[in-house]
Full PDB file with SEQRES, HELIX, SHEET, SSBOND, CRYST1, ORIGX, SCALE, CONECT and MASTER records, all heavy atoms in Angstrom:
SEQRES   1 A   34  THR ALA GLU VAL PHE THR ASP PRO LEU GLN PRO PRO ALA          
SEQRES   2 A   34  GLN ILE VAL GLN VAL SER HIS ALA GLY GLU VAL ILE PHE          
SEQRES   3 A   34  SER ALA SER ALA GLY MET PRO SER                              
SHEET    1 AA1 3 ALA A   2  THR A   6  0                                        
SHEET    2 AA1 3 GLN A  14  HIS A  20 -1                                        
SHEET    3 AA1 3 GLU A  23  GLY A  31 -1                                        
CRYST1    1.000    1.000    1.000  90.00  90.00  90.00 P 1           1          
ORIGX1      1.000000  0.000000  0.000000        0.00000                         
ORIGX2      0.000000  1.000000  0.000000        0.00000                         
ORIGX3      0.000000  0.000000  1.000000        0.00000                         
SCALE1      1.000000  0.000000  0.000000        0.00000                         
SCALE2      0.000000  1.000000  0.000000        0.00000                         
SCALE3      0.000000  0.000000  1.000000        0.00000                         
ATOM      1  N   THR A   1    -128.556 -59.788   6.479  1.00  0.00           N  
ATOM      2  CA  THR A   1    -127.685 -60.837   5.955  1.00  0.00           C  
ATOM      3  C   THR A   1    -126.243 -60.375   5.965  1.00  0.00           C  
ATOM      4  O   THR A   1    -125.940 -59.275   5.480  1.00  0.00           O  
ATOM      5  CB  THR A   1    -128.070 -61.233   4.525  1.00  0.00           C  
ATOM      6  OG1 THR A   1    -129.440 -61.638   4.490  1.00  0.00           O  
ATOM      7  CG2 THR A   1    -127.205 -62.369   4.012  1.00  0.00           C  
ATOM      8  N   ALA A   2    -125.359 -61.196   6.530  1.00  0.00           N  
ATOM      9  CA  ALA A   2    -123.924 -60.920   6.495  1.00  0.00           C  
ATOM     10  C   ALA A   2    -123.271 -61.993   5.616  1.00  0.00           C  
ATOM     11  O   ALA A   2    -123.460 -63.187   5.857  1.00  0.00           O  
ATOM     12  CB  ALA A   2    -123.319 -60.955   7.898  1.00  0.00           C  
ATOM     13  N   GLU A   3    -122.529 -61.568   4.590  1.00  0.00           N  
ATOM     14  CA  GLU A   3    -121.915 -62.491   3.643  1.00  0.00           C  
ATOM     15  C   GLU A   3    -120.413 -62.264   3.578  1.00  0.00           C  
ATOM     16  O   GLU A   3    -119.922 -61.138   3.755  1.00  0.00           O  
ATOM     17  CB  GLU A   3    -122.482 -62.291   2.236  1.00  0.00           C  
ATOM     18  CG  GLU A   3    -123.936 -62.632   2.063  1.00  0.00           C  
ATOM     19  CD  GLU A   3    -124.398 -62.383   0.633  1.00  0.00           C  
ATOM     20  OE1 GLU A   3    -123.917 -63.083  -0.289  1.00  0.00           O  
ATOM     21  OE2 GLU A   3    -125.217 -61.478   0.432  1.00  0.00           O  
ATOM     22  N   VAL A   4    -119.699 -63.355   3.320  1.00  0.00           N  
ATOM     23  CA  VAL A   4    -118.252 -63.302   3.127  1.00  0.00           C  
ATOM     24  C   VAL A   4    -117.965 -63.305   1.628  1.00  0.00           C  
ATOM     25  O   VAL A   4    -118.418 -64.198   0.899  1.00  0.00           O  
ATOM     26  CB  VAL A   4    -117.546 -64.494   3.799  1.00  0.00           C  
ATOM     27  CG1 VAL A   4    -116.035 -64.409   3.589  1.00  0.00           C  
ATOM     28  CG2 VAL A   4    -117.880 -64.548   5.283  1.00  0.00           C  
ATOM     29  N   PHE A   5    -117.210 -62.299   1.163  1.00  0.00           N  
ATOM     30  CA  PHE A   5    -116.849 -62.182  -0.233  1.00  0.00           C  
ATOM     31  C   PHE A   5    -115.323 -62.118  -0.376  1.00  0.00           C  
ATOM     32  O   PHE A   5    -114.617 -61.699   0.543  1.00  0.00           O  
ATOM     33  CB  PHE A   5    -117.400 -60.894  -0.861  1.00  0.00           C  
ATOM     34  CG  PHE A   5    -118.902 -60.824  -0.947  1.00  0.00           C  
ATOM     35  CD1 PHE A   5    -119.643 -60.297   0.097  1.00  0.00           C  
ATOM     36  CD2 PHE A   5    -119.561 -61.271  -2.074  1.00  0.00           C  
ATOM     37  CE1 PHE A   5    -121.014 -60.219   0.032  1.00  0.00           C  
ATOM     38  CE2 PHE A   5    -120.954 -61.189  -2.160  1.00  0.00           C  
ATOM     39  CZ  PHE A   5    -121.673 -60.666  -1.107  1.00  0.00           C  
ATOM     40  N   THR A   6    -114.841 -62.470  -1.540  1.00  0.00           N  
ATOM     41  CA  THR A   6    -113.471 -62.150  -1.903  1.00  0.00           C  
ATOM     42  C   THR A   6    -113.424 -60.690  -2.316  1.00  0.00           C  
ATOM     43  O   THR A   6    -114.258 -60.234  -3.116  1.00  0.00           O  
ATOM     44  CB  THR A   6    -112.982 -63.040  -3.067  1.00  0.00           C  
ATOM     45  OG1 THR A   6    -112.988 -64.389  -2.649  1.00  0.00           O  
ATOM     46  CG2 THR A   6    -111.577 -62.652  -3.499  1.00  0.00           C  
ATOM     47  N   ASP A   7    -112.497 -59.933  -1.749  1.00  0.00           N  
ATOM     48  CA  ASP A   7    -112.380 -58.519  -2.055  1.00  0.00           C  
ATOM     49  C   ASP A   7    -111.993 -58.345  -3.520  1.00  0.00           C  
ATOM     50  O   ASP A   7    -110.911 -58.765  -3.935  1.00  0.00           O  
ATOM     51  CB  ASP A   7    -111.316 -57.886  -1.161  1.00  0.00           C  
ATOM     52  CG  ASP A   7    -111.287 -56.377  -1.248  1.00  0.00           C  
ATOM     53  OD1 ASP A   7    -111.756 -55.822  -2.271  1.00  0.00           O  
ATOM     54  OD2 ASP A   7    -110.785 -55.734  -0.304  1.00  0.00           O  
ATOM     55  N   PRO A   8    -112.857 -57.745  -4.358  1.00  0.00           N  
ATOM     56  CA  PRO A   8    -112.540 -57.625  -5.791  1.00  0.00           C  
ATOM     57  C   PRO A   8    -111.344 -56.719  -6.056  1.00  0.00           C  
ATOM     58  O   PRO A   8    -110.708 -56.824  -7.109  1.00  0.00           O  
ATOM     59  CB  PRO A   8    -113.819 -57.044  -6.395  1.00  0.00           C  
ATOM     60  CG  PRO A   8    -114.489 -56.344  -5.256  1.00  0.00           C  
ATOM     61  CD  PRO A   8    -114.156 -57.140  -4.035  1.00  0.00           C  
ATOM     62  N   LEU A   9    -111.002 -55.855  -5.084  1.00  0.00           N  
ATOM     63  CA  LEU A   9    -109.882 -54.940  -5.282  1.00  0.00           C  
ATOM     64  C   LEU A   9    -108.566 -55.514  -4.794  1.00  0.00           C  
ATOM     65  O   LEU A   9    -107.500 -55.079  -5.235  1.00  0.00           O  
ATOM     66  CB  LEU A   9    -110.156 -53.614  -4.557  1.00  0.00           C  
ATOM     67  CG  LEU A   9    -111.407 -52.855  -5.004  1.00  0.00           C  
ATOM     68  CD1 LEU A   9    -111.568 -51.580  -4.173  1.00  0.00           C  
ATOM     69  CD2 LEU A   9    -111.355 -52.533  -6.493  1.00  0.00           C  
ATOM     70  N   GLN A  10    -108.635 -56.510  -3.897  1.00  0.00           N  
ATOM     71  CA  GLN A  10    -107.420 -57.084  -3.333  1.00  0.00           C  
ATOM     72  C   GLN A  10    -107.537 -58.599  -3.147  1.00  0.00           C  
ATOM     73  O   GLN A  10    -107.374 -59.116  -2.056  1.00  0.00           O  
ATOM     74  CB  GLN A  10    -107.101 -56.432  -1.977  1.00  0.00           C  
ATOM     75  CG  GLN A  10    -106.745 -54.955  -2.051  1.00  0.00           C  
ATOM     76  CD  GLN A  10    -106.444 -54.392  -0.675  1.00  0.00           C  
ATOM     77  OE1 GLN A  10    -107.215 -54.567   0.272  1.00  0.00           O  
ATOM     78  NE2 GLN A  10    -105.314 -53.734  -0.549  1.00  0.00           N  
ATOM     79  N   PRO A  11    -107.852 -59.315  -4.216  1.00  0.00           N  
ATOM     80  CA  PRO A  11    -107.935 -60.758  -4.052  1.00  0.00           C  
ATOM     81  C   PRO A  11    -106.574 -61.339  -3.680  1.00  0.00           C  
ATOM     82  O   PRO A  11    -105.553 -60.785  -4.107  1.00  0.00           O  
ATOM     83  CB  PRO A  11    -108.382 -61.247  -5.441  1.00  0.00           C  
ATOM     84  CG  PRO A  11    -107.941 -60.169  -6.388  1.00  0.00           C  
ATOM     85  CD  PRO A  11    -108.035 -58.889  -5.615  1.00  0.00           C  
ATOM     86  N   PRO A  12    -106.506 -62.390  -2.832  1.00  0.00           N  
ATOM     87  CA  PRO A  12    -107.627 -63.188  -2.282  1.00  0.00           C  
ATOM     88  C   PRO A  12    -108.140 -62.687  -0.934  1.00  0.00           C  
ATOM     89  O   PRO A  12    -108.772 -63.441  -0.215  1.00  0.00           O  
ATOM     90  CB  PRO A  12    -106.986 -64.556  -2.146  1.00  0.00           C  
ATOM     91  CG  PRO A  12    -105.574 -64.250  -1.716  1.00  0.00           C  
ATOM     92  CD  PRO A  12    -105.205 -63.009  -2.485  1.00  0.00           C  
ATOM     93  N   ALA A  13    -107.823 -61.421  -0.569  1.00  0.00           N  
ATOM     94  CA  ALA A  13    -108.326 -60.872   0.694  1.00  0.00           C  
ATOM     95  C   ALA A  13    -109.867 -60.961   0.727  1.00  0.00           C  
ATOM     96  O   ALA A  13    -110.515 -60.993  -0.321  1.00  0.00           O  
ATOM     97  CB  ALA A  13    -107.870 -59.445   0.881  1.00  0.00           C  
ATOM     98  N   GLN A  14    -110.397 -60.974   1.941  1.00  0.00           N  
ATOM     99  CA  GLN A  14    -111.846 -61.145   2.097  1.00  0.00           C  
ATOM    100  C   GLN A  14    -112.489 -59.914   2.725  1.00  0.00           C  
ATOM    101  O   GLN A  14    -111.831 -59.154   3.439  1.00  0.00           O  
ATOM    102  CB  GLN A  14    -112.134 -62.374   2.967  1.00  0.00           C  
ATOM    103  CG  GLN A  14    -111.663 -63.679   2.370  1.00  0.00           C  
ATOM    104  CD  GLN A  14    -111.894 -64.853   3.294  1.00  0.00           C  
ATOM    105  OE1 GLN A  14    -111.446 -64.857   4.445  1.00  0.00           O  
ATOM    106  NE2 GLN A  14    -112.608 -65.856   2.831  1.00  0.00           N  
ATOM    107  N   ILE A  15    -113.760 -59.745   2.447  1.00  0.00           N  
ATOM    108  CA  ILE A  15    -114.549 -58.711   3.111  1.00  0.00           C  
ATOM    109  C   ILE A  15    -115.851 -59.351   3.599  1.00  0.00           C  
ATOM    110  O   ILE A  15    -116.270 -60.404   3.112  1.00  0.00           O  
ATOM    111  CB  ILE A  15    -114.882 -57.528   2.170  1.00  0.00           C  
ATOM    112  CG1 ILE A  15    -115.625 -58.019   0.926  1.00  0.00           C  
ATOM    113  CG2 ILE A  15    -113.621 -56.780   1.781  1.00  0.00           C  
ATOM    114  CD1 ILE A  15    -116.099 -56.890   0.029  1.00  0.00           C  
ATOM    115  N   VAL A  16    -116.466 -58.718   4.586  1.00  0.00           N  
ATOM    116  CA  VAL A  16    -117.789 -59.114   5.045  1.00  0.00           C  
ATOM    117  C   VAL A  16    -118.732 -57.963   4.809  1.00  0.00           C  
ATOM    118  O   VAL A  16    -118.458 -56.823   5.211  1.00  0.00           O  
ATOM    119  CB  VAL A  16    -117.763 -59.497   6.535  1.00  0.00           C  
ATOM    120  CG1 VAL A  16    -119.187 -59.812   7.023  1.00  0.00           C  
ATOM    121  CG2 VAL A  16    -116.848 -60.698   6.784  1.00  0.00           C  
ATOM    122  N   GLN A  17    -119.826 -58.247   4.116  1.00  0.00           N  
ATOM    123  CA  GLN A  17    -120.833 -57.239   3.842  1.00  0.00           C  
ATOM    124  C   GLN A  17    -122.127 -57.573   4.555  1.00  0.00           C  
ATOM    125  O   GLN A  17    -122.511 -58.739   4.641  1.00  0.00           O  
ATOM    126  CB  GLN A  17    -121.122 -57.138   2.338  1.00  0.00           C  
ATOM    127  CG  GLN A  17    -120.013 -56.463   1.538  1.00  0.00           C  
ATOM    128  CD  GLN A  17    -120.399 -56.281   0.081  1.00  0.00           C  
ATOM    129  OE1 GLN A  17    -121.416 -56.778  -0.388  1.00  0.00           O  
ATOM    130  NE2 GLN A  17    -119.588 -55.523  -0.642  1.00  0.00           N  
ATOM    131  N   VAL A  18    -122.776 -56.539   5.069  1.00  0.00           N  
ATOM    132  CA  VAL A  18    -124.079 -56.703   5.712  1.00  0.00           C  
ATOM    133  C   VAL A  18    -125.110 -55.983   4.848  1.00  0.00           C  
ATOM    134  O   VAL A  18    -124.906 -54.824   4.453  1.00  0.00           O  
ATOM    135  CB  VAL A  18    -124.071 -56.118   7.138  1.00  0.00           C  
ATOM    136  CG1 VAL A  18    -125.467 -56.243   7.772  1.00  0.00           C  
ATOM    137  CG2 VAL A  18    -123.030 -56.819   7.990  1.00  0.00           C  
ATOM    138  N   SER A  19    -126.188 -56.668   4.536  1.00  0.00           N  
ATOM    139  CA  SER A  19    -127.248 -56.061   3.735  1.00  0.00           C  
ATOM    140  C   SER A  19    -128.594 -56.207   4.429  1.00  0.00           C  
ATOM    141  O   SER A  19    -128.811 -57.137   5.220  1.00  0.00           O  
ATOM    142  CB  SER A  19    -127.304 -56.701   2.341  1.00  0.00           C  
ATOM    143  OG  SER A  19    -127.538 -58.100   2.440  1.00  0.00           O  
ATOM    144  N   HIS A  20    -129.482 -55.285   4.124  1.00  0.00           N  
ATOM    145  CA  HIS A  20    -130.838 -55.318   4.661  1.00  0.00           C  
ATOM    146  C   HIS A  20    -131.796 -54.955   3.539  1.00  0.00           C  
ATOM    147  O   HIS A  20    -131.594 -53.946   2.850  1.00  0.00           O  
ATOM    148  CB  HIS A  20    -130.998 -54.309   5.807  1.00  0.00           C  
ATOM    149  CG  HIS A  20    -132.369 -54.295   6.419  1.00  0.00           C  
ATOM    150  ND1 HIS A  20    -133.244 -53.257   6.259  1.00  0.00           N  
ATOM    151  CD2 HIS A  20    -133.022 -55.230   7.179  1.00  0.00           C  
ATOM    152  CE1 HIS A  20    -134.369 -53.507   6.902  1.00  0.00           C  
ATOM    153  NE2 HIS A  20    -134.254 -54.701   7.463  1.00  0.00           N  
ATOM    154  N   ALA A  21    -132.780 -55.818   3.342  1.00  0.00           N  
ATOM    155  CA  ALA A  21    -133.754 -55.619   2.256  1.00  0.00           C  
ATOM    156  C   ALA A  21    -133.050 -55.435   0.923  1.00  0.00           C  
ATOM    157  O   ALA A  21    -133.459 -54.617   0.090  1.00  0.00           O  
ATOM    158  CB  ALA A  21    -134.640 -54.414   2.565  1.00  0.00           C  
ATOM    159  N   GLY A  22    -131.976 -56.174   0.705  1.00  0.00           N  
ATOM    160  CA  GLY A  22    -131.267 -56.150  -0.559  1.00  0.00           C  
ATOM    161  C   GLY A  22    -130.286 -55.017  -0.722  1.00  0.00           C  
ATOM    162  O   GLY A  22    -129.609 -54.924  -1.757  1.00  0.00           O  
ATOM    163  N   GLU A  23    -130.168 -54.141   0.271  1.00  0.00           N  
ATOM    164  CA  GLU A  23    -129.265 -52.992   0.192  1.00  0.00           C  
ATOM    165  C   GLU A  23    -128.073 -53.191   1.125  1.00  0.00           C  
ATOM    166  O   GLU A  23    -128.236 -53.504   2.306  1.00  0.00           O  
ATOM    167  CB  GLU A  23    -129.997 -51.711   0.574  1.00  0.00           C  
ATOM    168  CG  GLU A  23    -129.116 -50.467   0.549  1.00  0.00           C  
ATOM    169  CD  GLU A  23    -129.840 -49.223   1.011  1.00  0.00           C  
ATOM    170  OE1 GLU A  23    -131.060 -49.305   1.245  1.00  0.00           O  
ATOM    171  OE2 GLU A  23    -129.180 -48.170   1.147  1.00  0.00           O  
ATOM    172  N   VAL A  24    -126.852 -53.026   0.595  1.00  0.00           N  
ATOM    173  CA  VAL A  24    -125.660 -53.152   1.421  1.00  0.00           C  
ATOM    174  C   VAL A  24    -125.581 -51.951   2.367  1.00  0.00           C  
ATOM    175  O   VAL A  24    -125.586 -50.808   1.927  1.00  0.00           O  
ATOM    176  CB  VAL A  24    -124.391 -53.236   0.560  1.00  0.00           C  
ATOM    177  CG1 VAL A  24    -123.141 -53.258   1.450  1.00  0.00           C  
ATOM    178  CG2 VAL A  24    -124.419 -54.483  -0.316  1.00  0.00           C  
ATOM    179  N   ILE A  25    -125.512 -52.230   3.676  1.00  0.00           N  
ATOM    180  CA  ILE A  25    -125.473 -51.153   4.658  1.00  0.00           C  
ATOM    181  C   ILE A  25    -124.143 -51.094   5.386  1.00  0.00           C  
ATOM    182  O   ILE A  25    -123.879 -50.143   6.137  1.00  0.00           O  
ATOM    183  CB  ILE A  25    -126.619 -51.282   5.678  1.00  0.00           C  
ATOM    184  CG1 ILE A  25    -126.501 -52.592   6.477  1.00  0.00           C  
ATOM    185  CG2 ILE A  25    -127.965 -51.178   4.986  1.00  0.00           C  
ATOM    186  CD1 ILE A  25    -127.507 -52.721   7.617  1.00  0.00           C  
ATOM    187  N   PHE A  26    -123.268 -52.097   5.144  1.00  0.00           N  
ATOM    188  CA  PHE A  26    -121.993 -52.113   5.864  1.00  0.00           C  
ATOM    189  C   PHE A  26    -121.043 -53.060   5.163  1.00  0.00           C  
ATOM    190  O   PHE A  26    -121.445 -54.082   4.597  1.00  0.00           O  
ATOM    191  CB  PHE A  26    -122.212 -52.599   7.302  1.00  0.00           C  
ATOM    192  CG  PHE A  26    -120.939 -52.754   8.099  1.00  0.00           C  
ATOM    193  CD1 PHE A  26    -120.306 -51.646   8.642  1.00  0.00           C  
ATOM    194  CD2 PHE A  26    -120.357 -54.005   8.278  1.00  0.00           C  
ATOM    195  CE1 PHE A  26    -119.128 -51.785   9.359  1.00  0.00           C  
ATOM    196  CE2 PHE A  26    -119.197 -54.154   8.989  1.00  0.00           C  
ATOM    197  CZ  PHE A  26    -118.569 -53.034   9.526  1.00  0.00           C  
ATOM    198  N   SER A  27    -119.736 -52.722   5.209  1.00  0.00           N  
ATOM    199  CA  SER A  27    -118.702 -53.586   4.660  1.00  0.00           C  
ATOM    200  C   SER A  27    -117.429 -53.392   5.474  1.00  0.00           C  
ATOM    201  O   SER A  27    -117.111 -52.275   5.873  1.00  0.00           O  
ATOM    202  CB  SER A  27    -118.454 -53.252   3.189  1.00  0.00           C  
ATOM    203  OG  SER A  27    -117.454 -54.089   2.646  1.00  0.00           O  
ATOM    204  N   ALA A  28    -116.724 -54.502   5.737  1.00  0.00           N  
ATOM    205  CA  ALA A  28    -115.471 -54.415   6.508  1.00  0.00           C  
ATOM    206  C   ALA A  28    -114.494 -55.448   5.993  1.00  0.00           C  
ATOM    207  O   ALA A  28    -114.878 -56.542   5.550  1.00  0.00           O  
ATOM    208  CB  ALA A  28    -115.736 -54.646   7.996  1.00  0.00           C  
ATOM    209  N   SER A  29    -113.210 -55.117   6.068  1.00  0.00           N  
ATOM    210  CA  SER A  29    -112.171 -56.052   5.673  1.00  0.00           C  
ATOM    211  C   SER A  29    -112.063 -57.175   6.683  1.00  0.00           C  
ATOM    212  O   SER A  29    -112.163 -56.968   7.882  1.00  0.00           O  
ATOM    213  CB  SER A  29    -110.828 -55.321   5.566  1.00  0.00           C  
ATOM    214  OG  SER A  29    -109.773 -56.244   5.378  1.00  0.00           O  
ATOM    215  N   ALA A  30    -111.826 -58.395   6.162  1.00  0.00           N  
ATOM    216  CA  ALA A  30    -111.616 -59.552   7.028  1.00  0.00           C  
ATOM    217  C   ALA A  30    -110.217 -60.142   6.821  1.00  0.00           C  
ATOM    218  O   ALA A  30    -109.930 -61.222   7.321  1.00  0.00           O  
ATOM    219  CB  ALA A  30    -112.670 -60.609   6.777  1.00  0.00           C  
ATOM    220  N   GLY A  31    -109.360 -59.442   6.095  1.00  0.00           N  
ATOM    221  CA  GLY A  31    -107.993 -59.898   5.926  1.00  0.00           C  
ATOM    222  C   GLY A  31    -107.890 -61.067   4.955  1.00  0.00           C  
ATOM    223  O   GLY A  31    -108.753 -61.291   4.100  1.00  0.00           O  
ATOM    224  N   MET A  32    -106.838 -61.856   5.128  1.00  0.00           N  
ATOM    225  CA  MET A  32    -106.537 -62.934   4.207  1.00  0.00           C  
ATOM    226  C   MET A  32    -107.291 -64.207   4.588  1.00  0.00           C  
ATOM    227  O   MET A  32    -107.649 -64.413   5.744  1.00  0.00           O  
ATOM    228  CB  MET A  32    -105.034 -63.206   4.200  1.00  0.00           C  
ATOM    229  CG  MET A  32    -104.197 -62.001   3.775  1.00  0.00           C  
ATOM    230  SD  MET A  32    -104.649 -61.406   2.130  1.00  0.00           S  
ATOM    231  CE  MET A  32    -104.102 -62.781   1.113  1.00  0.00           C  
ATOM    232  N   PRO A  33    -107.539 -65.096   3.626  1.00  0.00           N  
ATOM    233  CA  PRO A  33    -108.185 -66.373   3.932  1.00  0.00           C  
ATOM    234  C   PRO A  33    -107.366 -67.163   4.935  1.00  0.00           C  
ATOM    235  O   PRO A  33    -106.128 -67.094   4.950  1.00  0.00           O  
ATOM    236  CB  PRO A  33    -108.229 -67.082   2.569  1.00  0.00           C  
ATOM    237  CG  PRO A  33    -108.165 -66.001   1.561  1.00  0.00           C  
ATOM    238  CD  PRO A  33    -107.291 -64.936   2.174  1.00  0.00           C  
ATOM    239  N   SER A  34    -108.063 -67.891   5.800  1.00  0.00           N  
ATOM    240  CA  SER A  34    -107.419 -68.710   6.828  1.00  0.00           C  
ATOM    241  C   SER A  34    -108.319 -69.909   7.094  1.00  0.00           C  
ATOM    242  O   SER A  34    -109.433 -69.976   6.572  1.00  0.00           O  
ATOM    243  CB  SER A  34    -107.217 -67.890   8.101  1.00  0.00           C  
ATOM    244  OG  SER A  34    -108.447 -67.714   8.777  1.00  0.00           O  
TER     245      SER A  34                                                      
MASTER        0    0    0    0    3    0    0    6  244    1    0    3          
END                                                                             
């Protein structure tokens, strides 16, 4: 599962997290909302 979140450290910037079996295995910055 890949989800788009608001970065809690730099709102309103966004991050994308990838999880497998409920465990986050990857996260990357997606910059500002557009």
